[in-house]
């Protein structure tokens, strides 16, 4: 997930924010890439479980991270919403 965060920052999809949590990263990236919001949230939970919850990593958790990484490489951010002035 740290590599995913770095890639998203390098591509200027999310801001570089020191100390950001995995959940905060998922929420920010999910707003820019709404089609991947659920995958981002799932990856954040996996990261937190393994890193802080002492839950052992599993092949399925690894697949979640790899799939997210692959999907993010092809993703393009949603265009910003413009407000029309009357």
Protein backbone atom coordinates (compact mmCIF):
# COMPACT_ATOMS: atom_id res chain seq x y z
CA UNK A 1 0.00 0.00 0.00
CA UNK A 2 2.90 2.34 0.60
CA UNK A 3 4.02 1.81 -3.00
CA UNK A 4 0.46 2.47 -4.18
CA UNK A 5 0.41 5.70 -2.16
CA UNK A 6 3.70 6.81 -3.68
CA UNK A 7 2.45 6.09 -7.20
CA UNK A 8 -0.75 8.04 -6.58
CA UNK A 9 1.29 10.96 -5.23
CA UNK A 10 3.73 10.85 -8.16
CA UNK A 11 0.81 10.90 -10.60
CA UNK A 12 -0.73 13.81 -8.63
CA UNK A 13 -3.93 11.87 -8.00
CA UNK A 14 -3.59 12.49 -4.25
CA UNK A 15 -1.62 15.09 -2.37
CA UNK A 16 1.56 14.11 -0.58
CA UNK A 17 0.47 14.13 3.05
CA UNK A 18 2.91 12.97 5.72
CA UNK A 19 1.28 10.88 8.42
CA UNK A 20 -1.81 10.09 6.38
CA UNK A 21 -3.52 6.86 7.44
CA UNK A 22 -4.39 4.07 5.03
CA UNK A 23 -8.07 4.93 5.45
CA UNK A 24 -7.42 8.58 4.65
CA UNK A 25 -5.46 7.58 1.55
CA UNK A 26 -8.28 5.28 0.43
CA UNK A 27 -10.88 8.02 0.94
CA UNK A 28 -8.89 10.67 -0.94
CA UNK A 29 -7.97 8.35 -3.80
CA UNK A 30 -11.53 7.02 -3.90
CA UNK A 31 -12.86 10.51 -4.53
CA UNK A 32 -10.47 10.90 -7.48
CA UNK A 33 -11.03 7.34 -8.72
CA UNK A 34 -14.60 6.46 -7.71
CA UNK A 35 -14.65 3.21 -9.67
CA UNK A 36 -11.86 1.94 -7.41
CA UNK A 37 -13.13 3.33 -4.10
CA UNK A 38 -14.24 -0.06 -2.76
CA UNK A 39 -10.94 -1.72 -3.74
CA UNK A 40 -8.98 1.10 -2.12
CA UNK A 41 -10.99 0.76 1.10
CA UNK A 42 -10.46 -3.02 1.14
CA UNK A 43 -6.71 -2.60 0.62
CA UNK A 44 -6.57 -0.06 3.46
CA UNK A 45 -8.29 -2.56 5.78
CA UNK A 46 -5.85 -5.30 4.77
CA UNK A 47 -2.90 -2.97 5.38
CA UNK A 48 -4.18 -1.93 8.80
CA UNK A 49 -5.00 -5.50 9.81
CA UNK A 50 -1.56 -6.81 8.89
CA UNK A 51 0.47 -3.77 9.99
CA UNK A 52 -1.31 -2.83 13.21
CA UNK A 53 -3.77 -5.61 13.99
CA UNK A 54 -1.20 -8.41 13.96
CA UNK A 55 -3.33 -10.34 11.49
CA UNK A 56 -1.14 -12.61 9.38
CA UNK A 57 -0.95 -11.80 5.70
CA UNK A 58 -2.70 -14.29 3.46
CA UNK A 59 -2.51 -15.18 -0.22
CA UNK A 60 -5.95 -13.59 -0.63
CA UNK A 61 -4.79 -10.33 0.99
CA UNK A 62 -1.79 -10.33 -1.33
CA UNK A 63 -4.11 -10.80 -4.33
CA UNK A 64 -6.22 -7.83 -3.13
CA UNK A 65 -3.14 -5.62 -3.10
CA UNK A 66 -1.85 -6.87 -6.46
CA UNK A 67 -5.23 -6.42 -8.14
CA UNK A 68 -5.53 -2.89 -6.76
CA UNK A 69 -2.04 -2.04 -7.98
CA UNK A 70 -2.87 -3.35 -11.46
CA UNK A 71 -6.19 -1.51 -11.64
CA UNK A 72 -4.64 1.74 -10.43
CA UNK A 73 -1.96 1.63 -13.13
CA UNK A 74 -4.69 1.77 -15.78
CA UNK A 75 -6.95 4.22 -13.94
CA UNK A 76 -7.34 7.87 -14.76
CA UNK A 77 -8.82 10.34 -12.28
CA UNK A 78 -12.35 11.58 -12.75
CA UNK A 79 -12.46 15.08 -14.20
CA UNK A 80 -13.07 17.80 -11.62
CA UNK A 81 -16.68 18.89 -11.23
CA UNK A 82 -17.21 22.41 -12.50
CA UNK A 83 -19.82 24.62 -10.98
CA UNK A 84 -21.81 26.62 -13.52
CA UNK A 85 -22.36 30.25 -12.68
CA UNK A 86 -25.85 31.63 -13.38
